[in-house]
C-alpha atoms as a PDB file:
ATOM      1  CA  MET A   1      21.507  17.544 -27.294  1.00  0.00           C
ATOM      2  CA  PRO A   2      20.257  21.211 -26.889  1.00  0.00           C
ATOM      3  CA  LYS A   3      22.944  23.768 -26.425  1.00  0.00           C
ATOM      4  CA  LEU A   4      23.383  25.799 -23.475  1.00  0.00           C
ATOM      5  CA  LYS A   5      22.698  29.498 -24.400  1.00  0.00           C
ATOM      6  CA  ASN A   6      23.337  31.585 -21.292  1.00  0.00           C
ATOM      7  CA  ALA A   7      24.107  31.566 -17.630  1.00  0.00           C
ATOM      8  CA  ASP A   8      20.503  30.569 -16.406  1.00  0.00           C
ATOM      9  CA  ASP A   9      21.109  27.127 -18.497  1.00  0.00           C
ATOM     10  CA  TYR A  10      24.306  26.411 -16.590  1.00  0.00           C
ATOM     11  CA  LEU A  11      22.718  27.621 -13.176  1.00  0.00           C
ATOM     12  CA  ALA A  12      19.809  25.125 -13.700  1.00  0.00           C
ATOM     13  CA  ILE A  13      22.046  22.280 -14.406  1.00  0.00           C
ATOM     14  CA  ALA A  14      24.133  23.225 -11.184  1.00  0.00           C
ATOM     15  CA  LEU A  15      21.199  23.251  -9.199  1.00  0.00           C
ATOM     16  CA  ILE A  16      19.810  19.743 -10.353  1.00  0.00           C
ATOM     17  CA  THR A  17      23.053  17.976 -10.553  1.00  0.00           C
ATOM     18  CA  PRO A  18      23.515  17.271  -6.808  1.00  0.00           C
ATOM     19  CA  SER A  19      19.954  15.772  -6.699  1.00  0.00           C
ATOM     20  CA  ILE A  20      20.939  13.636  -9.811  1.00  0.00           C
ATOM     21  CA  LEU A  21      23.954  12.360  -8.357  1.00  0.00           C
ATOM     22  CA  ALA A  22      22.211  11.463  -5.065  1.00  0.00           C
ATOM     23  CA  VAL A  23      19.568   9.556  -6.657  1.00  0.00           C
ATOM     24  CA  GLY A  24      22.058   7.849  -8.761  1.00  0.00           C
ATOM     25  CA  VAL A  25      24.053   6.881  -5.826  1.00  0.00           C
ATOM     26  CA  PHE A  26      21.586   6.246  -2.962  1.00  0.00           C
ATOM     27  CA  VAL A  27      18.774   4.808  -5.173  1.00  0.00           C
ATOM     28  CA  TYR A  28      20.028   3.190  -8.409  1.00  0.00           C
ATOM     29  CA  GLY A  29      23.531   2.556  -6.828  1.00  0.00           C
ATOM     30  CA  PHE A  30      21.886   0.625  -3.813  1.00  0.00           C
ATOM     31  CA  ILE A  31      19.857  -1.262  -6.096  1.00  0.00           C
ATOM     32  CA  ALA A  32      22.631  -2.516  -8.168  1.00  0.00           C
ATOM     33  CA  TRP A  33      24.371  -3.307  -4.875  1.00  0.00           C
ATOM     34  CA  THR A  34      21.402  -5.304  -3.695  1.00  0.00           C
ATOM     35  CA  LEU A  35      21.218  -7.271  -7.125  1.00  0.00           C
ATOM     36  CA  ARG A  36      25.042  -8.124  -6.734  1.00  0.00           C
ATOM     37  CA  VAL A  37      24.475  -9.351  -3.285  1.00  0.00           C
ATOM     38  CA  SER A  38      21.630 -11.500  -4.057  1.00  0.00           C
ATOM     39  CA  VAL A  39      23.579 -13.528  -6.572  1.00  0.00           C
ATOM     40  CA  SER A  40      26.322 -14.090  -4.005  1.00  0.00           C
ATOM     41  CA  ARG A  41      26.829 -16.616  -1.315  1.00  0.00           C
ATOM     42  CA  TRP A  42      27.249 -13.899   1.544  1.00  0.00           C
ATOM     43  CA  THR A  43      25.913 -15.594   4.682  1.00  0.00           C
ATOM     44  CA  GLY A  44      27.341 -14.389   8.200  1.00  0.00           C
ATOM     45  CA  LEU A  45      28.997 -11.129   9.068  1.00  0.00           C
ATOM     46  CA  LEU A  46      31.992 -11.657   6.643  1.00  0.00           C
ATOM     47  CA  PRO A  47      31.363 -10.635   3.137  1.00  0.00           C
ATOM     48  CA  ASP A  48      31.365 -13.483   0.640  1.00  0.00           C
ATOM     49  CA  PHE A  49      30.856 -12.226  -3.102  1.00  0.00           C
ATOM     50  CA  SER A  50      31.254 -15.814  -4.598  1.00  0.00           C
ATOM     51  CA  LEU A  51      28.710 -15.787  -7.417  1.00  0.00           C
ATOM     52  CA  VAL A  52      26.068 -18.556  -6.979  1.00  0.00           C
ATOM     53  CA  GLY A  53      23.734 -17.370  -9.898  1.00  0.00           C
ATOM     54  CA  LEU A  54      20.097 -17.499  -9.187  1.00  0.00           C
ATOM     55  CA  ARG A  55      20.464 -20.316  -6.545  1.00  0.00           C
ATOM     56  CA  ASN A  56      18.890 -17.639  -3.754  1.00  0.00           C
ATOM     57  CA  TYR A  57      15.983 -16.869  -6.072  1.00  0.00           C
ATOM     58  CA  TRP A  58      15.541 -20.717  -6.829  1.00  0.00           C
ATOM     59  CA  GLU A  59      15.705 -21.789  -3.126  1.00  0.00           C
ATOM     60  CA  LEU A  60      13.137 -19.040  -2.224  1.00  0.00           C
ATOM     61  CA  TYR A  61      10.694 -20.608  -5.039  1.00  0.00           C
ATOM     62  CA  PHE A  62      10.621 -23.812  -2.988  1.00  0.00           C
ATOM     63  CA  ASP A  63      10.842 -22.351   0.498  1.00  0.00           C
ATOM     64  CA  PRO A  64       7.591 -23.048   2.516  1.00  0.00           C
ATOM     65  CA  ARG A  65       7.812 -19.813   4.539  1.00  0.00           C
ATOM     66  CA  PHE A  66       8.143 -17.714   1.335  1.00  0.00           C
ATOM     67  CA  GLN A  67       5.126 -19.506  -0.044  1.00  0.00           C
ATOM     68  CA  ILE A  68       3.179 -18.561   3.190  1.00  0.00           C
ATOM     69  CA  ASP A  69       4.531 -15.048   2.592  1.00  0.00           C
ATOM     70  CA  ALA A  70       3.031 -14.958  -0.783  1.00  0.00           C
ATOM     71  CA  ARG A  71      -0.292 -16.130   0.130  1.00  0.00           C
ATOM     72  CA  ASN A  72      -0.473 -13.786   3.168  1.00  0.00           C
ATOM     73  CA  LEU A  73       0.614 -10.882   0.880  1.00  0.00           C
ATOM     74  CA  ALA A  74      -2.031 -11.649  -1.566  1.00  0.00           C
ATOM     75  CA  ILE A  75      -4.952 -11.883   0.966  1.00  0.00           C
ATOM     76  CA  PHE A  76      -3.645  -8.615   2.723  1.00  0.00           C
ATOM     77  CA  THR A  77      -3.565  -6.805  -0.628  1.00  0.00           C
ATOM     78  CA  PHE A  78      -6.842  -7.857  -1.945  1.00  0.00           C
ATOM     79  CA  VAL A  79      -8.540  -6.906   1.286  1.00  0.00           C
ATOM     80  CA  PHE A  80      -6.636  -3.789   1.849  1.00  0.00           C
ATOM     81  CA  VAL A  81      -6.900  -2.234  -1.718  1.00  0.00           C
ATOM     82  CA  GLY A  82     -10.616  -3.524  -2.270  1.00  0.00           C
ATOM     83  CA  GLY A  83     -11.720  -2.158   1.092  1.00  0.00           C
ATOM     84  CA  ALA A  84      -9.869   1.108   1.012  1.00  0.00           C
ATOM     85  CA  LEU A  85     -11.125   1.677  -2.570  1.00  0.00           C
ATOM     86  CA  LEU A  86     -14.865   1.022  -1.502  1.00  0.00           C
ATOM     87  CA  LEU A  87     -14.834   2.817   1.865  1.00  0.00           C
ATOM     88  CA  GLY A  88     -12.840   5.894   0.245  1.00  0.00           C
ATOM     89  CA  PHE A  89     -15.080   6.146  -2.646  1.00  0.00           C
ATOM     90  CA  VAL A  90     -18.354   5.996  -0.155  1.00  0.00           C
ATOM     91  CA  MET A  91     -16.991   8.691   1.932  1.00  0.00           C
ATOM     92  CA  ALA A  92     -15.992  10.996  -1.006  1.00  0.00           C
ATOM     93  CA  VAL A  93     -19.546  10.715  -2.272  1.00  0.00           C
ATOM     94  CA  LEU A  94     -20.786  11.495   0.972  1.00  0.00           C
ATOM     95  CA  VAL A  95     -18.577  14.487   1.308  1.00  0.00           C
ATOM     96  CA  ASP A  96     -19.190  15.731  -2.276  1.00  0.00           C
ATOM     97  CA  GLN A  97     -22.993  16.338  -1.546  1.00  0.00           C
ATOM     98  CA  ASN A  98     -22.128  19.675   0.105  1.00  0.00           C
ATOM     99  CA  LEU A  99     -23.704  19.164   3.270  1.00  0.00           C
ATOM    100  CA  PRO A 100     -23.263  21.185   6.356  1.00  0.00           C
ATOM    101  CA  GLY A 101     -19.923  20.402   8.203  1.00  0.00           C
ATOM    102  CA  GLU A 102     -18.117  19.194   5.114  1.00  0.00           C
ATOM    103  CA  ASN A 103     -14.691  20.603   6.302  1.00  0.00           C
ATOM    104  CA  PHE A 104     -15.181  18.817   9.539  1.00  0.00           C
ATOM    105  CA  PHE A 105     -15.847  15.363   8.050  1.00  0.00           C
ATOM    106  CA  ARG A 106     -13.103  15.944   5.438  1.00  0.00           C
ATOM    107  CA  SER A 107     -10.587  16.578   8.237  1.00  0.00           C
ATOM    108  CA  LEU A 108     -11.980  13.700  10.442  1.00  0.00           C
ATOM    109  CA  PHE A 109     -11.665  11.140   7.562  1.00  0.00           C
ATOM    110  CA  LEU A 110      -8.193  12.315   6.634  1.00  0.00           C
ATOM    111  CA  PHE A 111      -6.939  12.422  10.320  1.00  0.00           C
ATOM    112  CA  PRO A 112      -5.822   8.691  10.427  1.00  0.00           C
ATOM    113  CA  MET A 113      -3.386   9.098   7.574  1.00  0.00           C
ATOM    114  CA  ALA A 114      -1.421  11.561   9.958  1.00  0.00           C
ATOM    115  CA  ILE A 115      -0.761   8.853  12.287  1.00  0.00           C
ATOM    116  CA  SER A 116       2.080   6.419  11.662  1.00  0.00           C
ATOM    117  CA  TYR A 117       1.728   2.730  11.211  1.00  0.00           C
ATOM    118  CA  ILE A 118       3.284   1.927  14.506  1.00  0.00           C
ATOM    119  CA  VAL A 119       0.742   3.912  16.260  1.00  0.00           C
ATOM    120  CA  THR A 120      -2.169   2.392  14.302  1.00  0.00           C
ATOM    121  CA  GLY A 121      -0.746  -1.007  15.313  1.00  0.00           C
ATOM    122  CA  VAL A 122      -0.504  -0.399  18.950  1.00  0.00           C
ATOM    123  CA  VAL A 123      -4.218   0.876  18.919  1.00  0.00           C
ATOM    124  CA  TRP A 124      -5.572  -1.839  16.915  1.00  0.00           C
ATOM    125  CA  ARG A 125      -3.808  -4.386  18.854  1.00  0.00           C
ATOM    126  CA  TRP A 126      -6.192  -3.616  21.655  1.00  0.00           C
ATOM    127  CA  LEU A 127      -9.199  -3.015  19.561  1.00  0.00           C
ATOM    128  CA  MET A 128      -8.721  -6.607  18.124  1.00  0.00           C
ATOM    129  CA  ASN A 129      -7.880  -8.181  21.347  1.00  0.00           C
ATOM    130  CA  PRO A 130      -8.807 -12.028  20.825  1.00  0.00           C
ATOM    131  CA  ALA A 131      -9.331 -12.682  24.433  1.00  0.00           C
ATOM    132  CA  GLU A 132     -12.812 -13.944  25.692  1.00  0.00           C
ATOM    133  CA  GLY A 133     -14.415 -14.301  28.942  1.00  0.00           C
ATOM    134  CA  THR A 134     -13.148 -11.847  31.783  1.00  0.00           C
ATOM    135  CA  ARG A 135     -10.282 -10.676  29.474  1.00  0.00           C
ATOM    136  CA  ILE A 136     -12.437  -9.753  26.671  1.00  0.00           C
ATOM    137  CA  SER A 137     -11.957  -6.114  25.483  1.00  0.00           C
ATOM    138  CA  GLY A 138     -11.890  -3.929  22.280  1.00  0.00           C
ATOM    139  CA  LEU A 139     -14.254  -4.538  19.486  1.00  0.00           C
ATOM    140  CA  ASN A 140     -15.400  -7.899  20.958  1.00  0.00           C
ATOM    141  CA  GLN A 141     -16.449  -6.206  23.998  1.00  0.00           C
ATOM    142  CA  ILE A 142     -18.632  -3.820  21.950  1.00  0.00           C
ATOM    143  CA  PHE A 143     -20.134  -6.497  20.132  1.00  0.00           C
ATOM    144  CA  GLU A 144     -20.769  -8.523  23.497  1.00  0.00           C
ATOM    145  CA  SER A 145     -22.596  -5.467  25.012  1.00  0.00           C
ATOM    146  CA  MET A 146     -24.615  -4.947  21.818  1.00  0.00           C
ATOM    147  CA  GLY A 147     -25.722  -8.563  21.908  1.00  0.00           C
ATOM    148  CA  LEU A 148     -24.050  -9.232  18.504  1.00  0.00           C
ATOM    149  CA  ASN A 149     -22.024 -12.213  19.653  1.00  0.00           C
ATOM    150  CA  PHE A 150     -21.779 -13.602  16.270  1.00  0.00           C
ATOM    151  CA  LEU A 151     -19.417 -10.762  15.297  1.00  0.00           C
ATOM    152  CA  ILE A 152     -16.900 -11.713  18.074  1.00  0.00           C
ATOM    153  CA  SER A 153     -13.752 -12.738  16.093  1.00  0.00           C
ATOM    154  CA  ARG A 154     -10.312 -14.190  16.800  1.00  0.00           C
ATOM    155  CA  TRP A 155      -8.929 -11.540  14.560  1.00  0.00           C
ATOM    156  CA  HIS A 156      -5.521 -11.745  13.698  1.00  0.00           C
ATOM    157  CA  THR A 157      -4.948 -15.048  15.685  1.00  0.00           C
ATOM    158  CA  ALA A 158      -7.630 -16.886  13.155  1.00  0.00           C
ATOM    159  CA  PRO A 159      -5.916 -19.129  10.847  1.00  0.00           C
ATOM    160  CA  VAL A 160      -5.091 -18.357   7.274  1.00  0.00           C
ATOM    161  CA  TRP A 161      -7.387 -15.362   7.356  1.00  0.00           C
ATOM    162  CA  GLY A 162      -5.693 -13.614  10.274  1.00  0.00           C
ATOM    163  CA  ILE A 163      -3.758 -11.368   8.043  1.00  0.00           C
ATOM    164  CA  ALA A 164      -7.170 -10.121   6.570  1.00  0.00           C
ATOM    165  CA  ALA A 165      -7.931  -8.646  10.078  1.00  0.00           C
ATOM    166  CA  ILE A 166      -4.789  -6.711   9.865  1.00  0.00           C
ATOM    167  CA  ALA A 167      -5.790  -5.412   6.777  1.00  0.00           C
ATOM    168  CA  LEU A 168      -8.784  -3.677   8.395  1.00  0.00           C
ATOM    169  CA  ALA A 169      -6.267  -1.668  10.204  1.00  0.00           C
ATOM    170  CA  ALA A 170      -4.737  -0.548   7.117  1.00  0.00           C
ATOM    171  CA  ILE A 171      -7.994   0.396   5.610  1.00  0.00           C
ATOM    172  CA  TRP A 172      -8.908   2.547   8.424  1.00  0.00           C
ATOM    173  CA  GLN A 173      -5.639   4.421   8.053  1.00  0.00           C
ATOM    174  CA  MET A 174      -5.685   4.851   4.410  1.00  0.00           C
ATOM    175  CA  SER A 175      -9.383   5.297   3.100  1.00  0.00           C
ATOM    176  CA  GLY A 176      -9.237   8.942   4.189  1.00  0.00           C
ATOM    177  CA  PHE A 177      -6.215   9.266   1.529  1.00  0.00           C
ATOM    178  CA  THR A 178      -8.365   7.526  -0.885  1.00  0.00           C
ATOM    179  CA  MET A 179     -11.345   9.825  -0.068  1.00  0.00           C
ATOM    180  CA  ALA A 180      -9.195  12.861  -0.873  1.00  0.00           C
ATOM    181  CA  LEU A 181      -8.131  11.454  -4.353  1.00  0.00           C
ATOM    182  CA  PHE A 182     -11.714  10.412  -5.215  1.00  0.00           C
ATOM    183  CA  LEU A 183     -13.274  13.714  -3.968  1.00  0.00           C
ATOM    184  CA  GLY A 184     -10.615  15.669  -6.017  1.00  0.00           C
ATOM    185  CA  GLY A 185     -11.750  13.557  -9.012  1.00  0.00           C
ATOM    186  CA  LEU A 186     -15.579  14.164  -8.167  1.00  0.00           C
ATOM    187  CA  ARG A 187     -15.103  17.909  -7.985  1.00  0.00           C
ATOM    188  CA  SER A 188     -13.268  17.983 -11.427  1.00  0.00           C
ATOM    189  CA  ILE A 189     -16.502  16.343 -13.217  1.00  0.00           C
ATOM    190  CA  SER A 190     -18.558  19.333 -14.418  1.00  0.00           C
ATOM    191  CA  ASP A 191     -21.860  19.809 -13.060  1.00  0.00           C
ATOM    192  CA  ASP A 192     -23.395  20.139 -16.666  1.00  0.00           C
ATOM    193  CA  VAL A 193     -22.335  16.588 -17.285  1.00  0.00           C
ATOM    194  CA  ARG A 194     -24.505  15.573 -14.430  1.00  0.00           C
ATOM    195  CA  GLU A 195     -27.313  17.911 -15.313  1.00  0.00           C
ATOM    196  CA  ALA A 196     -27.420  16.543 -18.709  1.00  0.00           C
ATOM    197  CA  ALA A 197     -27.562  12.967 -17.635  1.00  0.00           C
ATOM    198  CA  ARG A 198     -30.615  13.805 -15.200  1.00  0.00           C
ATOM    199  CA  VAL A 199     -32.347  15.692 -17.833  1.00  0.00           C
ATOM    200  CA  ASP A 200     -31.991  12.630 -20.234  1.00  0.00           C
ATOM    201  CA  GLY A 201     -33.758  10.469 -17.289  1.00  0.00           C
ATOM    202  CA  ALA A 202     -30.838   8.966 -15.753  1.00  0.00           C
ATOM    203  CA  SER A 203     -31.246   7.893 -11.973  1.00  0.00           C
ATOM    204  CA  GLU A 204     -28.598   8.718  -9.243  1.00  0.00           C
ATOM    205  CA  TRP A 205     -27.474   4.805  -9.624  1.00  0.00           C
ATOM    206  CA  GLN A 206     -27.308   5.141 -13.315  1.00  0.00           C
ATOM    207  CA  LEU A 207     -25.489   8.608 -13.185  1.00  0.00           C
ATOM    208  CA  TYR A 208     -22.732   6.937 -11.103  1.00  0.00           C
ATOM    209  CA  ARG A 209     -22.696   3.669 -12.866  1.00  0.00           C
ATOM    210  CA  TYR A 210     -22.264   4.700 -16.439  1.00  0.00           C
ATOM    211  CA  ILE A 211     -20.850   8.313 -16.144  1.00  0.00           C
ATOM    212  CA  ILE A 212     -19.216   9.167 -13.017  1.00  0.00           C
ATOM    213  CA  ILE A 213     -17.320   5.982 -12.223  1.00  0.00           C
ATOM    214  CA  PRO A 214     -15.882   5.507 -15.777  1.00  0.00           C
ATOM    215  CA  LEU A 215     -14.729   9.132 -15.569  1.00  0.00           C
ATOM    216  CA  LEU A 216     -12.901   8.313 -12.399  1.00  0.00           C
ATOM    217  CA  ASN A 217     -10.937   5.492 -14.082  1.00  0.00           C
ATOM    218  CA  PRO A 218      -7.742   7.480 -14.098  1.00  0.00           C
ATOM    219  CA  VAL A 219      -8.056   8.368 -10.397  1.00  0.00           C
ATOM    220  CA  THR A 220      -8.900   4.842  -9.483  1.00  0.00           C
ATOM    221  CA  LEU A 221      -5.918   3.527 -11.352  1.00  0.00           C
ATOM    222  CA  SER A 222      -3.887   5.868  -9.359  1.00  0.00           C
ATOM    223  CA  VAL A 223      -5.247   4.867  -6.137  1.00  0.00           C
ATOM    224  CA  VAL A 224      -4.765   1.209  -6.880  1.00  0.00           C
ATOM    225  CA  ILE A 225      -1.002   1.753  -7.738  1.00  0.00           C
ATOM    226  CA  ILE A 226      -0.470   3.686  -4.491  1.00  0.00           C
ATOM    227  CA  LEU A 227      -2.274   1.077  -2.262  1.00  0.00           C
ATOM    228  CA  GLY A 228      -0.760  -1.685  -4.101  1.00  0.00           C
ATOM    229  CA  HIS A 229       2.707  -0.161  -3.390  1.00  0.00           C
ATOM    230  CA  ILE A 230       2.025   0.420   0.134  1.00  0.00           C
ATOM    231  CA  SER A 231       0.655  -3.196   0.650  1.00  0.00           C
ATOM    232  CA  LEU A 232       3.634  -5.036  -0.850  1.00  0.00           C
ATOM    233  CA  LYS A 233       6.094  -3.298   1.510  1.00  0.00           C
ATOM    234  CA  VAL A 234       4.057  -3.471   4.708  1.00  0.00           C
ATOM    235  CA  PHE A 235       6.047  -4.318   7.643  1.00  0.00           C
ATOM    236  CA  ASP A 236       5.623  -1.922  10.745  1.00  0.00           C
ATOM    237  CA  LEU A 237       1.975  -2.377  11.015  1.00  0.00           C
ATOM    238  CA  ILE A 238       2.180  -6.050  11.307  1.00  0.00           C
ATOM    239  CA  VAL A 239       5.260  -6.155  13.839  1.00  0.00           C
ATOM    240  CA  SER A 240       3.419  -3.554  16.156  1.00  0.00           C
ATOM    241  CA  LEU A 241       0.023  -5.081  15.781  1.00  0.00           C
ATOM    242  CA  ALA A 242       0.965  -8.870  16.240  1.00  0.00           C
ATOM    243  CA  GLY A 243       4.721  -9.241  16.446  1.00  0.00           C
ATOM    244  CA  LYS A 244       6.852 -11.441  14.168  1.00  0.00           C
ATOM    245  CA  GLN A 245       4.946 -14.955  13.833  1.00  0.00           C
ATOM    246  CA  LEU A 246       4.972 -17.277  10.904  1.00  0.00           C
ATOM    247  CA  ALA A 247       1.165 -17.101  10.394  1.00  0.00           C
ATOM    248  CA  LEU A 248       1.279 -13.518   9.721  1.00  0.00           C
ATOM    249  CA  ASP A 249       4.644 -13.230   7.727  1.00  0.00           C
ATOM    250  CA  VAL A 250       5.061 -11.298   4.699  1.00  0.00           C
ATOM    251  CA  PRO A 251       8.074 -10.820   2.558  1.00  0.00           C
ATOM    252  CA  ALA A 252       9.041  -7.482   4.008  1.00  0.00           C
ATOM    253  CA  ILE A 253       9.344  -9.363   7.356  1.00  0.00           C
ATOM    254  CA  TYR A 254      11.186 -12.341   6.021  1.00  0.00           C
ATOM    255  CA  MET A 255      13.639 -10.120   4.403  1.00  0.00           C
ATOM    256  CA  TRP A 256      14.337  -8.266   7.660  1.00  0.00           C
ATOM    257  CA  GLN A 257      14.692 -11.514   9.560  1.00  0.00           C
ATOM    258  CA  ALA A 258      16.939 -13.041   6.955  1.00  0.00           C
ATOM    259  CA  THR A 259      19.276 -10.106   6.743  1.00  0.00           C
ATOM    260  CA  PHE A 260      19.607  -8.751  10.196  1.00  0.00           C
ATOM    261  CA  ASP A 261      18.639 -11.579  12.285  1.00  0.00           C
ATOM    262  CA  GLY A 262      19.966 -14.623  10.379  1.00  0.00           C
ATOM    263  CA  TYR A 263      22.749 -12.709   8.543  1.00  0.00           C
ATOM    264  CA  PHE A 264      21.532 -14.654   5.399  1.00  0.00           C
ATOM    265  CA  PHE A 265      22.395 -11.344   3.267  1.00  0.00           C
ATOM    266  CA  GLY A 266      22.264 -13.162  -0.018  1.00  0.00           C
ATOM    267  CA  ARG A 267      18.751 -14.656   0.574  1.00  0.00           C
ATOM    268  CA  GLY A 268      17.626 -11.155   2.219  1.00  0.00           C
ATOM    269  CA  ALA A 269      18.739  -9.269  -0.967  1.00  0.00           C
ATOM    270  CA  ALA A 270      17.033 -11.833  -3.345  1.00  0.00           C
ATOM    271  CA  ILE A 271      13.729 -11.042  -1.420  1.00  0.00           C
ATOM    272  CA  SER A 272      14.251  -7.308  -1.873  1.00  0.00           C
ATOM    273  CA  ILE A 273      14.968  -7.658  -5.501  1.00  0.00           C
ATOM    274  CA  LEU A 274      11.731  -9.815  -5.809  1.00  0.00           C
ATOM    275  CA  MET A 275       9.852  -7.109  -3.782  1.00  0.00           C
ATOM    276  CA  LEU A 276      11.236  -4.258  -6.436  1.00  0.00           C
ATOM    277  CA  LEU A 277      10.182  -6.253  -9.429  1.00  0.00           C
ATOM    278  CA  ILE A 278       6.651  -6.980  -8.004  1.00  0.00           C
ATOM    279  CA  ILE A 279       6.332  -3.051  -7.265  1.00  0.00           C
ATOM    280  CA  SER A 280       7.661  -2.437 -10.919  1.00  0.00           C
ATOM    281  CA  LEU A 281       4.940  -4.381 -12.337  1.00  0.00           C
ATOM    282  CA  LEU A 282       2.458  -1.895 -10.782  1.00  0.00           C
ATOM    283  CA  ILE A 283       4.506   1.341 -11.339  1.00  0.00           C
ATOM    284  CA  ILE A 284       5.755   0.805 -15.039  1.00  0.00           C
ATOM    285  CA  PRO A 285       2.024   0.379 -16.514  1.00  0.00           C
ATOM    286  CA  TYR A 286       1.109   3.354 -14.403  1.00  0.00           C
ATOM    287  CA  ILE A 287       3.925   5.518 -15.921  1.00  0.00           C
ATOM    288  CA  TYR A 288       3.320   4.267 -19.278  1.00  0.00           C
ATOM    289  CA  PHE A 289      -0.480   5.208 -18.817  1.00  0.00           C
ATOM    290  CA  ASN A 290       0.361   8.590 -17.876  1.00  0.00           C
ATOM    291  CA  LEU A 291       2.623   9.084 -20.715  1.00  0.00           C
ATOM    292  CA  LYS A 292       0.262   7.938 -23.306  1.00  0.00           C
ATOM    293  CA  HIS A 293      -2.475  10.210 -21.790  1.00  0.00           C
ATOM    294  CA  GLU A 294      -0.030  13.295 -21.924  1.00  0.00           C
ATOM    295  CA  ALA A 295       0.885  12.569 -25.424  1.00  0.00           C
ATOM    296  CA  ASP A 296      -2.969  12.375 -26.438  1.00  0.00           C
ATOM    297  CA  LEU A 297      -3.689  15.629 -24.967  1.00  0.00           C
END
């Protein structure tokens, strides 16, 4: 451990100590407390810390509702992350062409990110109104007026894949953020690299396929980690758009209802710990990759 040499060292420690204590108590301390509750028998308003081991986790494994949650979460994550990656990359490539009005379009694409998921859910609840006939509205009405009746959908009320429709709203909100990250990556690639590839006879498709996209791998990894983290804890968007219904249930909603509606604190804590473990599967490789990359520099 390095020795403290002067007053500045003591001042630095004094400044960061409150933050360290706050993180220790309000992050890691609460995680430890949640883990303790997840292996307890606590149901009801009165605490019961009798140990039951992994019973809460074992019951979740056979819980039909949690199986629906896992399926919905997988569908939402796949559609959301894939759609936001694709749309964000395309928008970044378009903005990177140095066309007139770049600042306007960059701000326009980023604007949805400034809106909360609650507002997004309320707006998209109207846009994805599944009603037909005289009550048709939103996107379905636009499709009908354009003669594109085959695009009319039941949206989030469709069985199984209804959760994918909600992912469209999340894609709309986060694709601008994805664009900003990809645009930063594109602007960091030297023009000399592009010109050298063109001189060697590479087409624009080959330039992006074999040079630019591989160079953007670190950015792509960061985007996947961030979007995956967001998708795993999605709650407010679904509730504001479609309410709490089993067909659109995800672990975050189940955790809320088990804990605060049903007072099954042990089960709710177990769901929270499982969500934390899943998120850790994304975050830990990302941290390892960054540390290894910094060590190689």
